Amino acid sequence: MLRIGSRISFDCCGRITVPKELADMLNLTKGNDLVYWTVEDGKAVIHKVTQPFYGIDIEAEEIEANLREYESRFRKDLPFEGLTEQQRRELAIEEYRRRKDSEC
């Protein structure tokens, strides 16, 4: 999984703004395109409604290519790659406590 854009707040009207990078990746056109949300493995997932022609979904293929290109530009090696599950857990607990102690 790759984070796209910055953190977005859930506003007081109950809306979430789609980051520009994601809108570009999905080829979203304001006022034209439809999207829907699902929850998969506890994660919210946005889907663009695309139109297949003759059984081939060219736009979905283009969106997939956009994602792969974005991943190749922005994905960095994860800092915990090569660590055991136990080592990652210990680092996670340490970081969690550090952040919790620094909260107001």
PDB file of N, CA and C in Angstrom:
ATOM      1  N   MET A   1       0.848  -1.170   0.000  1.00  0.00           N
ATOM      2  CA  MET A   1       0.000   0.000   0.000  1.00  0.00           C
ATOM      3  C   MET A   1       0.891   1.230   0.000  1.00  0.00           C
ATOM      4  N   LEU A   2       0.451   2.253  -0.707  1.00  0.00           N
ATOM      5  CA  LEU A   2       1.219   3.471  -0.860  1.00  0.00           C
ATOM      6  C   LEU A   2       0.329   4.652  -0.543  1.00  0.00           C
ATOM      7  N   ARG A   3       0.783   5.537   0.348  1.00  0.00           N
ATOM      8  CA  ARG A   3       0.008   6.728   0.671  1.00  0.00           C
ATOM      9  C   ARG A   3       0.074   7.682  -0.514  1.00  0.00           C
ATOM     10  N   ILE A   4      -1.076   8.253  -0.852  1.00  0.00           N
ATOM     11  CA  ILE A   4      -1.156   9.193  -1.961  1.00  0.00           C
ATOM     12  C   ILE A   4      -1.627  10.527  -1.412  1.00  0.00           C
ATOM     13  N   GLY A   5      -0.817  11.558  -1.590  1.00  0.00           N
ATOM     14  CA  GLY A   5      -1.169  12.879  -1.085  1.00  0.00           C
ATOM     15  C   GLY A   5      -0.907  12.988   0.405  1.00  0.00           C
ATOM     16  N   SER A   6      -1.353  14.095   0.967  1.00  0.00           N
ATOM     17  CA  SER A   6      -1.150  14.333   2.394  1.00  0.00           C
ATOM     18  C   SER A   6      -2.374  13.878   3.174  1.00  0.00           C
ATOM     19  N   ARG A   7      -2.299  14.001   4.478  1.00  0.00           N
ATOM     20  CA  ARG A   7      -3.444  13.657   5.320  1.00  0.00           C
ATOM     21  C   ARG A   7      -4.577  14.629   5.052  1.00  0.00           C
ATOM     22  N   ILE A   8      -5.779  14.119   5.000  1.00  0.00           N
ATOM     23  CA  ILE A   8      -6.963  14.925   4.729  1.00  0.00           C
ATOM     24  C   ILE A   8      -7.897  14.807   5.928  1.00  0.00           C
ATOM     25  N   SER A   9      -8.423  15.941   6.375  1.00  0.00           N
ATOM     26  CA  SER A   9      -9.335  15.941   7.518  1.00  0.00           C
ATOM     27  C   SER A   9     -10.765  15.643   7.065  1.00  0.00           C
ATOM     28  N   PHE A  10     -11.496  15.006   7.923  1.00  0.00           N
ATOM     29  CA  PHE A  10     -12.925  14.790   7.765  1.00  0.00           C
ATOM     30  C   PHE A  10     -13.569  16.077   8.237  1.00  0.00           C
ATOM     31  N   ASP A  11     -14.196  16.854   7.349  1.00  0.00           N
ATOM     32  CA  ASP A  11     -14.652  18.192   7.729  1.00  0.00           C
ATOM     33  C   ASP A  11     -15.964  18.160   8.513  1.00  0.00           C
ATOM     34  N   CYS A  12     -16.374  19.339   8.978  1.00  0.00           N
ATOM     35  CA  CYS A  12     -17.555  19.434   9.847  1.00  0.00           C
ATOM     36  C   CYS A  12     -18.851  19.109   9.109  1.00  0.00           C
ATOM     37  N   CYS A  13     -18.817  19.080   7.787  1.00  0.00           N
ATOM     38  CA  CYS A  13     -20.002  18.724   6.998  1.00  0.00           C
ATOM     39  C   CYS A  13     -19.995  17.240   6.614  1.00  0.00           C
ATOM     40  N   GLY A  14     -18.993  16.510   7.108  1.00  0.00           N
ATOM     41  CA  GLY A  14     -18.908  15.081   6.833  1.00  0.00           C
ATOM     42  C   GLY A  14     -18.312  14.739   5.484  1.00  0.00           C
ATOM     43  N   ARG A  15     -17.451  15.622   4.963  1.00  0.00           N
ATOM     44  CA  ARG A  15     -16.853  15.390   3.650  1.00  0.00           C
ATOM     45  C   ARG A  15     -15.358  15.114   3.777  1.00  0.00           C
ATOM     46  N   ILE A  16     -14.858  14.408   2.788  1.00  0.00           N
ATOM     47  CA  ILE A  16     -13.424  14.170   2.651  1.00  0.00           C
ATOM     48  C   ILE A  16     -13.041  14.610   1.246  1.00  0.00           C
ATOM     49  N   THR A  17     -11.991  15.405   1.147  1.00  0.00           N
ATOM     50  CA  THR A  17     -11.517  15.871  -0.145  1.00  0.00           C
ATOM     51  C   THR A  17     -10.542  14.849  -0.720  1.00  0.00           C
ATOM     52  N   VAL A  18     -10.686  14.568  -1.994  1.00  0.00           N
ATOM     53  CA  VAL A  18      -9.765  13.648  -2.667  1.00  0.00           C
ATOM     54  C   VAL A  18      -8.478  14.415  -2.979  1.00  0.00           C
ATOM     55  N   PRO A  19      -7.320  13.899  -2.554  1.00  0.00           N
ATOM     56  CA  PRO A  19      -6.059  14.571  -2.870  1.00  0.00           C
ATOM     57  C   PRO A  19      -5.878  14.713  -4.387  1.00  0.00           C
ATOM     58  N   LYS A  20      -5.265  15.807  -4.818  1.00  0.00           N
ATOM     59  CA  LYS A  20      -5.059  16.071  -6.243  1.00  0.00           C
ATOM     60  C   LYS A  20      -4.331  14.921  -6.924  1.00  0.00           C
ATOM     61  N   GLU A  21      -3.317  14.371  -6.246  1.00  0.00           N
ATOM     62  CA  GLU A  21      -2.555  13.272  -6.846  1.00  0.00           C
ATOM     63  C   GLU A  21      -3.460  12.078  -7.158  1.00  0.00           C
ATOM     64  N   LEU A  22      -4.400  11.790  -6.248  1.00  0.00           N
ATOM     65  CA  LEU A  22      -5.314  10.672  -6.471  1.00  0.00           C
ATOM     66  C   LEU A  22      -6.312  10.994  -7.576  1.00  0.00           C
ATOM     67  N   ALA A  23      -6.830  12.223  -7.575  1.00  0.00           N
ATOM     68  CA  ALA A  23      -7.757  12.626  -8.637  1.00  0.00           C
ATOM     69  C   ALA A  23      -7.082  12.523 -10.006  1.00  0.00           C
ATOM     70  N   ASP A  24      -5.829  12.961 -10.075  1.00  0.00           N
ATOM     71  CA  ASP A  24      -5.083  12.854 -11.338  1.00  0.00           C
ATOM     72  C   ASP A  24      -4.870  11.393 -11.720  1.00  0.00           C
ATOM     73  N   MET A  25      -4.503  10.579 -10.748  1.00  0.00           N
ATOM     74  CA  MET A  25      -4.233   9.172 -11.005  1.00  0.00           C
ATOM     75  C   MET A  25      -5.486   8.458 -11.521  1.00  0.00           C
ATOM     76  N   LEU A  26      -6.646   8.835 -10.957  1.00  0.00           N
ATOM     77  CA  LEU A  26      -7.910   8.213 -11.358  1.00  0.00           C
ATOM     78  C   LEU A  26      -8.540   8.889 -12.576  1.00  0.00           C
ATOM     79  N   ASN A  27      -7.867   9.911 -13.113  1.00  0.00           N
ATOM     80  CA  ASN A  27      -8.407  10.672 -14.252  1.00  0.00           C
ATOM     81  C   ASN A  27      -9.800  11.228 -13.941  1.00  0.00           C
ATOM     82  N   LEU A  28      -9.999  11.722 -12.716  1.00  0.00           N
ATOM     83  CA  LEU A  28     -11.306  12.242 -12.320  1.00  0.00           C
ATOM     84  C   LEU A  28     -11.569  13.590 -12.983  1.00  0.00           C
ATOM     85  N   THR A  29     -12.766  13.741 -13.501  1.00  0.00           N
ATOM     86  CA  THR A  29     -13.217  14.999 -14.088  1.00  0.00           C
ATOM     87  C   THR A  29     -14.307  15.556 -13.189  1.00  0.00           C
ATOM     88  N   LYS A  30     -14.123  16.802 -12.721  1.00  0.00           N
ATOM     89  CA  LYS A  30     -15.093  17.426 -11.815  1.00  0.00           C
ATOM     90  C   LYS A  30     -16.482  17.436 -12.441  1.00  0.00           C
ATOM     91  N   GLY A  31     -17.447  17.005 -11.644  1.00  0.00           N
ATOM     92  CA  GLY A  31     -18.837  17.022 -12.077  1.00  0.00           C
ATOM     93  C   GLY A  31     -19.218  15.943 -13.070  1.00  0.00           C
ATOM     94  N   ASN A  32     -18.279  15.118 -13.470  1.00  0.00           N
ATOM     95  CA  ASN A  32     -18.535  14.104 -14.495  1.00  0.00           C
ATOM     96  C   ASN A  32     -18.458  12.680 -13.960  1.00  0.00           C
ATOM     97  N   ASP A  33     -17.410  12.390 -13.223  1.00  0.00           N
ATOM     98  CA  ASP A  33     -17.121  11.010 -12.856  1.00  0.00           C
ATOM     99  C   ASP A  33     -17.805  10.591 -11.557  1.00  0.00           C
ATOM    100  N   LEU A  34     -18.091   9.308 -11.486  1.00  0.00           N
ATOM    101  CA  LEU A  34     -18.678   8.714 -10.289  1.00  0.00           C
ATOM    102  C   LEU A  34     -17.634   7.863  -9.587  1.00  0.00           C
ATOM    103  N   VAL A  35     -17.665   7.888  -8.262  1.00  0.00           N
ATOM    104  CA  VAL A  35     -16.810   7.031  -7.446  1.00  0.00           C
ATOM    105  C   VAL A  35     -17.678   6.374  -6.392  1.00  0.00           C
ATOM    106  N   TYR A  36     -17.206   5.274  -5.850  1.00  0.00           N
ATOM    107  CA  TYR A  36     -17.864   4.653  -4.716  1.00  0.00           C
ATOM    108  C   TYR A  36     -16.797   4.136  -3.767  1.00  0.00           C
ATOM    109  N   TRP A  37     -17.205   3.925  -2.532  1.00  0.00           N
ATOM    110  CA  TRP A  37     -16.291   3.493  -1.475  1.00  0.00           C
ATOM    111  C   TRP A  37     -16.651   2.088  -1.039  1.00  0.00           C
ATOM    112  N   THR A  38     -15.619   1.318  -0.712  1.00  0.00           N
ATOM    113  CA  THR A  38     -15.809   0.016  -0.078  1.00  0.00           C
ATOM    114  C   THR A  38     -14.858  -0.061   1.109  1.00  0.00           C
ATOM    115  N   VAL A  39     -15.098  -1.033   1.960  1.00  0.00           N
ATOM    116  CA  VAL A  39     -14.174  -1.314   3.049  1.00  0.00           C
ATOM    117  C   VAL A  39     -13.640  -2.716   2.804  1.00  0.00           C
ATOM    118  N   GLU A  40     -12.320  -2.814   2.683  1.00  0.00           N
ATOM    119  CA  GLU A  40     -11.656  -4.084   2.405  1.00  0.00           C
ATOM    120  C   GLU A  40     -10.567  -4.296   3.445  1.00  0.00           C
ATOM    121  N   ASP A  41     -10.662  -5.363   4.189  1.00  0.00           N
ATOM    122  CA  ASP A  41      -9.688  -5.674   5.233  1.00  0.00           C
ATOM    123  C   ASP A  41      -9.504  -4.500   6.192  1.00  0.00           C
ATOM    124  N   GLY A  42     -10.609  -3.820   6.537  1.00  0.00           N
ATOM    125  CA  GLY A  42     -10.558  -2.723   7.482  1.00  0.00           C
ATOM    126  C   GLY A  42     -10.037  -1.412   6.910  1.00  0.00           C
ATOM    127  N   LYS A  43      -9.890  -1.324   5.594  1.00  0.00           N
ATOM    128  CA  LYS A  43      -9.375  -0.108   4.956  1.00  0.00           C
ATOM    129  C   LYS A  43     -10.422   0.428   3.992  1.00  0.00           C
ATOM    130  N   ALA A  44     -10.586   1.766   3.988  1.00  0.00           N
ATOM    131  CA  ALA A  44     -11.500   2.397   3.040  1.00  0.00           C
ATOM    132  C   ALA A  44     -10.820   2.449   1.679  1.00  0.00           C
ATOM    133  N   VAL A  45     -11.549   2.070   0.647  1.00  0.00           N
ATOM    134  CA  VAL A  45     -11.009   2.037  -0.709  1.00  0.00           C
ATOM    135  C   VAL A  45     -11.964   2.807  -1.614  1.00  0.00           C
ATOM    136  N   ILE A  46     -11.405   3.723  -2.420  1.00  0.00           N
ATOM    137  CA  ILE A  46     -12.215   4.479  -3.374  1.00  0.00           C
ATOM    138  C   ILE A  46     -12.076   3.836  -4.749  1.00  0.00           C
ATOM    139  N   HIS A  47     -13.201   3.723  -5.439  1.00  0.00           N
ATOM    140  CA  HIS A  47     -13.224   3.126  -6.770  1.00  0.00           C
ATOM    141  C   HIS A  47     -13.843   4.116  -7.744  1.00  0.00           C
ATOM    142  N   LYS A  48     -13.244   4.288  -8.885  1.00  0.00           N
ATOM    143  CA  LYS A  48     -13.843   5.090  -9.939  1.00  0.00           C
ATOM    144  C   LYS A  48     -14.693   4.181 -10.802  1.00  0.00           C
ATOM    145  N   VAL A  49     -15.878   4.636 -11.161  1.00  0.00           N
ATOM    146  CA  VAL A  49     -16.732   3.889 -12.067  1.00  0.00           C
ATOM    147  C   VAL A  49     -16.200   4.123 -13.479  1.00  0.00           C
ATOM    148  N   THR A  50     -15.787   3.059 -14.125  1.00  0.00           N
ATOM    149  CA  THR A  50     -15.250   3.151 -15.488  1.00  0.00           C
ATOM    150  C   THR A  50     -16.170   2.390 -16.438  1.00  0.00           C
ATOM    151  N   GLN A  51     -16.012   2.641 -17.711  1.00  0.00           N
ATOM    152  CA  GLN A  51     -16.880   2.050 -18.726  1.00  0.00           C
ATOM    153  C   GLN A  51     -16.083   1.145 -19.653  1.00  0.00           C
ATOM    154  N   PRO A  52     -16.356  -0.168 -19.607  1.00  0.00           N
ATOM    155  CA  PRO A  52     -15.686  -1.037 -20.576  1.00  0.00           C
ATOM    156  C   PRO A  52     -16.333  -0.915 -21.960  1.00  0.00           C
ATOM    157  N   PHE A  53     -15.525  -1.061 -22.971  1.00  0.00           N
ATOM    158  CA  PHE A  53     -16.009  -1.057 -24.350  1.00  0.00           C
ATOM    159  C   PHE A  53     -15.605  -2.389 -24.985  1.00  0.00           C
ATOM    160  N   TYR A  54     -16.586  -3.097 -25.506  1.00  0.00           N
ATOM    161  CA  TYR A  54     -16.352  -4.404 -26.125  1.00  0.00           C
ATOM    162  C   TYR A  54     -15.657  -5.363 -25.151  1.00  0.00           C
ATOM    163  N   GLY A  55     -15.996  -5.213 -23.863  1.00  0.00           N
ATOM    164  CA  GLY A  55     -15.440  -6.097 -22.841  1.00  0.00           C
ATOM    165  C   GLY A  55     -14.050  -5.727 -22.368  1.00  0.00           C
ATOM    166  N   ILE A  56     -13.521  -4.603 -22.845  1.00  0.00           N
ATOM    167  CA  ILE A  56     -12.179  -4.166 -22.447  1.00  0.00           C
ATOM    168  C   ILE A  56     -12.296  -2.815 -21.763  1.00  0.00           C
ATOM    169  N   ASP A  57     -11.752  -2.725 -20.549  1.00  0.00           N
ATOM    170  CA  ASP A  57     -11.836  -1.493 -19.766  1.00  0.00           C
ATOM    171  C   ASP A  57     -10.515  -0.722 -19.898  1.00  0.00           C
ATOM    172  N   ILE A  58     -10.415   0.047 -20.977  1.00  0.00           N
ATOM    173  CA  ILE A  58      -9.197   0.801 -21.281  1.00  0.00           C
ATOM    174  C   ILE A  58      -8.877   1.784 -20.160  1.00  0.00           C
ATOM    175  N   GLU A  59      -9.902   2.474 -19.627  1.00  0.00           N
ATOM    176  CA  GLU A  59      -9.647   3.459 -18.579  1.00  0.00           C
ATOM    177  C   GLU A  59      -9.108   2.796 -17.318  1.00  0.00           C
ATOM    178  N   ALA A  60      -9.640   1.637 -16.943  1.00  0.00           N
ATOM    179  CA  ALA A  60      -9.125   0.921 -15.769  1.00  0.00           C
ATOM    180  C   ALA A  60      -7.663   0.534 -15.982  1.00  0.00           C
ATOM    181  N   GLU A  61      -7.324   0.132 -17.204  1.00  0.00           N
ATOM    182  CA  GLU A  61      -5.931  -0.196 -17.514  1.00  0.00           C
ATOM    183  C   GLU A  61      -5.042   1.047 -17.399  1.00  0.00           C
ATOM    184  N   GLU A  62      -5.560   2.185 -17.856  1.00  0.00           N
ATOM    185  CA  GLU A  62      -4.812   3.438 -17.768  1.00  0.00           C
ATOM    186  C   GLU A  62      -4.604   3.847 -16.309  1.00  0.00           C
ATOM    187  N   ILE A  63      -5.639   3.687 -15.489  1.00  0.00           N
ATOM    188  CA  ILE A  63      -5.535   4.009 -14.065  1.00  0.00           C
ATOM    189  C   ILE A  63      -4.498   3.106 -13.396  1.00  0.00           C
ATOM    190  N   GLU A  64      -4.510   1.832 -13.738  1.00  0.00           N
ATOM    191  CA  GLU A  64      -3.517   0.882 -13.210  1.00  0.00           C
ATOM    192  C   GLU A  64      -2.102   1.312 -13.597  1.00  0.00           C
ATOM    193  N   ALA A  65      -1.921   1.738 -14.841  1.00  0.00           N
ATOM    194  CA  ALA A  65      -0.607   2.214 -15.288  1.00  0.00           C
ATOM    195  C   ALA A  65      -0.204   3.477 -14.537  1.00  0.00           C
ATOM    196  N   ASN A  66      -1.168   4.382 -14.291  1.00  0.00           N
ATOM    197  CA  ASN A  66      -0.890   5.586 -13.506  1.00  0.00           C
ATOM    198  C   ASN A  66      -0.403   5.226 -12.107  1.00  0.00           C
ATOM    199  N   LEU A  67      -1.061   4.255 -11.482  1.00  0.00           N
ATOM    200  CA  LEU A  67      -0.666   3.816 -10.138  1.00  0.00           C
ATOM    201  C   LEU A  67       0.748   3.247 -10.151  1.00  0.00           C
ATOM    202  N   ARG A  68       1.054   2.387 -11.099  1.00  0.00           N
ATOM    203  CA  ARG A  68       2.385   1.787 -11.174  1.00  0.00           C
ATOM    204  C   ARG A  68       3.458   2.861 -11.375  1.00  0.00           C
ATOM    205  N   GLU A  69       3.163   3.850 -12.202  1.00  0.00           N
ATOM    206  CA  GLU A  69       4.113   4.928 -12.455  1.00  0.00           C
ATOM    207  C   GLU A  69       4.328   5.756 -11.184  1.00  0.00           C
ATOM    208  N   TYR A  70       3.232   6.042 -10.471  1.00  0.00           N
ATOM    209  CA  TYR A  70       3.319   6.796  -9.208  1.00  0.00           C
ATOM    210  C   TYR A  70       4.153   6.020  -8.189  1.00  0.00           C
ATOM    211  N   GLU A  71       3.876   4.718  -8.079  1.00  0.00           N
ATOM    212  CA  GLU A  71       4.638   3.873  -7.154  1.00  0.00           C
ATOM    213  C   GLU A  71       6.119   3.894  -7.474  1.00  0.00           C
ATOM    214  N   SER A  72       6.464   3.814  -8.748  1.00  0.00           N
ATOM    215  CA  SER A  72       7.877   3.772  -9.119  1.00  0.00           C
ATOM    216  C   SER A  72       8.580   5.081  -8.788  1.00  0.00           C
ATOM    217  N   ARG A  73       7.852   6.202  -8.832  1.00  0.00           N
ATOM    218  CA  ARG A  73       8.456   7.504  -8.519  1.00  0.00           C
ATOM    219  C   ARG A  73       8.561   7.767  -7.024  1.00  0.00           C
ATOM    220  N   PHE A  74       7.579   7.314  -6.239  1.00  0.00           N
ATOM    221  CA  PHE A  74       7.502   7.746  -4.850  1.00  0.00           C
ATOM    222  C   PHE A  74       7.734   6.671  -3.804  1.00  0.00           C
ATOM    223  N   ARG A  75       7.700   5.432  -4.167  1.00  0.00           N
ATOM    224  CA  ARG A  75       7.901   4.379  -3.163  1.00  0.00           C
ATOM    225  C   ARG A  75       9.366   4.332  -2.766  1.00  0.00           C
ATOM    226  N   LYS A  76       9.605   4.427  -1.498  1.00  0.00           N
ATOM    227  CA  LYS A  76      10.961   4.325  -0.950  1.00  0.00           C
ATOM    228  C   LYS A  76      11.052   2.993  -0.210  1.00  0.00           C
ATOM    229  N   ASP A  77      12.257   2.470  -0.114  1.00  0.00           N
ATOM    230  CA  ASP A  77      12.423   1.245   0.667  1.00  0.00           C
ATOM    231  C   ASP A  77      11.932   1.495   2.079  1.00  0.00           C
ATOM    232  N   LEU A  78      11.143   0.591   2.571  1.00  0.00           N
ATOM    233  CA  LEU A  78      10.577   0.759   3.906  1.00  0.00           C
ATOM    234  C   LEU A  78      11.679   0.636   4.952  1.00  0.00           C
ATOM    235  N   PRO A  79      11.673   1.518   5.971  1.00  0.00           N
ATOM    236  CA  PRO A  79      12.748   1.519   6.964  1.00  0.00           C
ATOM    237  C   PRO A  79      12.786   0.254   7.820  1.00  0.00           C
ATOM    238  N   PHE A  80      11.716  -0.528   7.817  1.00  0.00           N
ATOM    239  CA  PHE A  80      11.685  -1.728   8.653  1.00  0.00           C
ATOM    240  C   PHE A  80      11.860  -3.007   7.838  1.00  0.00           C
ATOM    241  N   GLU A  81      12.188  -2.863   6.567  1.00  0.00           N
ATOM    242  CA  GLU A  81      12.406  -4.042   5.743  1.00  0.00           C
ATOM    243  C   GLU A  81      13.577  -4.844   6.294  1.00  0.00           C
ATOM    244  N   GLY A  82      13.415  -6.137   6.403  1.00  0.00           N
ATOM    245  CA  GLY A  82      14.475  -6.993   6.904  1.00  0.00           C
ATOM    246  C   GLY A  82      14.400  -7.250   8.401  1.00  0.00           C
ATOM    247  N   LEU A  83      13.514  -6.524   9.106  1.00  0.00           N
ATOM    248  CA  LEU A  83      13.371  -6.746  10.547  1.00  0.00           C
ATOM    249  C   LEU A  83      12.385  -7.871  10.786  1.00  0.00           C
ATOM    250  N   THR A  84      12.563  -8.568  11.902  1.00  0.00           N
ATOM    251  CA  THR A  84      11.614  -9.620  12.263  1.00  0.00           C
ATOM    252  C   THR A  84      10.336  -8.981  12.781  1.00  0.00           C
ATOM    253  N   GLU A  85       9.287  -9.766  12.856  1.00  0.00           N
ATOM    254  CA  GLU A  85       8.007  -9.292  13.403  1.00  0.00           C
ATOM    255  C   GLU A  85       8.201  -8.773  14.825  1.00  0.00           C
ATOM    256  N   GLN A  86       8.976  -9.481  15.638  1.00  0.00           N
ATOM    257  CA  GLN A  86       9.213  -9.059  17.021  1.00  0.00           C
ATOM    258  C   GLN A  86       9.974  -7.724  17.073  1.00  0.00           C
ATOM    259  N   GLN A  87      10.968  -7.547  16.222  1.00  0.00           N
ATOM    260  CA  GLN A  87      11.720  -6.290  16.189  1.00  0.00           C
ATOM    261  C   GLN A  87      10.816  -5.131  15.761  1.00  0.00           C
ATOM    262  N   ARG A  88       9.984  -5.371  14.765  1.00  0.00           N
ATOM    263  CA  ARG A  88       9.049  -4.338  14.326  1.00  0.00           C
ATOM    264  C   ARG A  88       8.063  -3.992  15.428  1.00  0.00           C
ATOM    265  N   ARG A  89       7.583  -5.014  16.149  1.00  0.00           N
ATOM    266  CA  ARG A  89       6.638  -4.779  17.245  1.00  0.00           C
ATOM    267  C   ARG A  89       7.287  -3.924  18.335  1.00  0.00           C
ATOM    268  N   GLU A  90       8.524  -4.242  18.691  1.00  0.00           N
ATOM    269  CA  GLU A  90       9.215  -3.469  19.732  1.00  0.00           C
ATOM    270  C   GLU A  90       9.407  -2.014  19.295  1.00  0.00           C
ATOM    271  N   LEU A  91       9.800  -1.802  18.038  1.00  0.00           N
ATOM    272  CA  LEU A  91       9.954  -0.442  17.524  1.00  0.00           C
ATOM    273  C   LEU A  91       8.613   0.289  17.494  1.00  0.00           C
ATOM    274  N   ALA A  92       7.564  -0.425  17.112  1.00  0.00           N
ATOM    275  CA  ALA A  92       6.238   0.186  17.059  1.00  0.00           C
ATOM    276  C   ALA A  92       5.773   0.613  18.441  1.00  0.00           C
ATOM    277  N   ILE A  93       5.964  -0.234  19.440  1.00  0.00           N
ATOM    278  CA  ILE A  93       5.571   0.096  20.814  1.00  0.00           C
ATOM    279  C   ILE A  93       6.356   1.303  21.309  1.00  0.00           C
ATOM    280  N   GLU A  94       7.645   1.311  21.035  1.00  0.00           N
ATOM    281  CA  GLU A  94       8.502   2.426  21.445  1.00  0.00           C
ATOM    282  C   GLU A  94       8.034   3.741  20.802  1.00  0.00           C
ATOM    283  N   GLU A  95       7.772   3.708  19.509  1.00  0.00           N
ATOM    284  CA  GLU A  95       7.319   4.910  18.802  1.00  0.00           C
ATOM    285  C   GLU A  95       5.945   5.354  19.294  1.00  0.00           C
ATOM    286  N   TYR A  96       5.040   4.395  19.506  1.00  0.00           N
ATOM    287  CA  TYR A  96       3.700   4.690  20.011  1.00  0.00           C
ATOM    288  C   TYR A  96       3.784   5.399  21.356  1.00  0.00           C
ATOM    289  N   ARG A  97       4.584   4.862  22.254  1.00  0.00           N
ATOM    290  CA  ARG A  97       4.721   5.469  23.594  1.00  0.00           C
ATOM    291  C   ARG A  97       5.345   6.851  23.513  1.00  0.00           C
ATOM    292  N   ARG A  98       6.353   7.001  22.652  1.00  0.00           N
ATOM    293  CA  ARG A  98       7.008   8.300  22.494  1.00  0.00           C
ATOM    294  C   ARG A  98       5.992   9.357  22.012  1.00  0.00           C
ATOM    295  N   ARG A  99       5.190   9.009  21.047  1.00  0.00           N
ATOM    296  CA  ARG A  99       4.196   9.956  20.517  1.00  0.00           C
ATOM    297  C   ARG A  99       3.083  10.211  21.528  1.00  0.00           C
ATOM    298  N   LYS A 100       2.671   9.170  22.216  1.00  0.00           N
ATOM    299  CA  LYS A 100       1.610   9.337  23.210  1.00  0.00           C
ATOM    300  C   LYS A 100       2.067  10.248  24.339  1.00  0.00           C
ATOM    301  N   ASP A 101       3.327  10.108  24.767  1.00  0.00           N
ATOM    302  CA  ASP A 101       3.864  10.952  25.848  1.00  0.00           C
ATOM    303  C   ASP A 101       4.019  12.404  25.417  1.00  0.00           C
ATOM    304  N   SER A 102       4.162  12.643  24.111  1.00  0.00           N
ATOM    305  CA  SER A 102       4.363  14.022  23.635  1.00  0.00           C
ATOM    306  C   SER A 102       3.054  14.742  23.343  1.00  0.00           C
ATOM    307  N   GLU A 103       1.910  14.040  23.443  1.00  0.00           N
ATOM    308  CA  GLU A 103       0.608  14.679  23.192  1.00  0.00           C
ATOM    309  C   GLU A 103       0.260  15.629  24.320  1.00  0.00           C
ATOM    310  N   CYS A 104      -0.572  16.604  23.961  1.00  0.00           N
ATOM    311  CA  CYS A 104      -1.018  17.604  24.954  1.00  0.00           C
ATOM    312  C   CYS A 104      -1.961  16.992  25.978  1.00  0.00           C
TER     313      CYS A 104
END
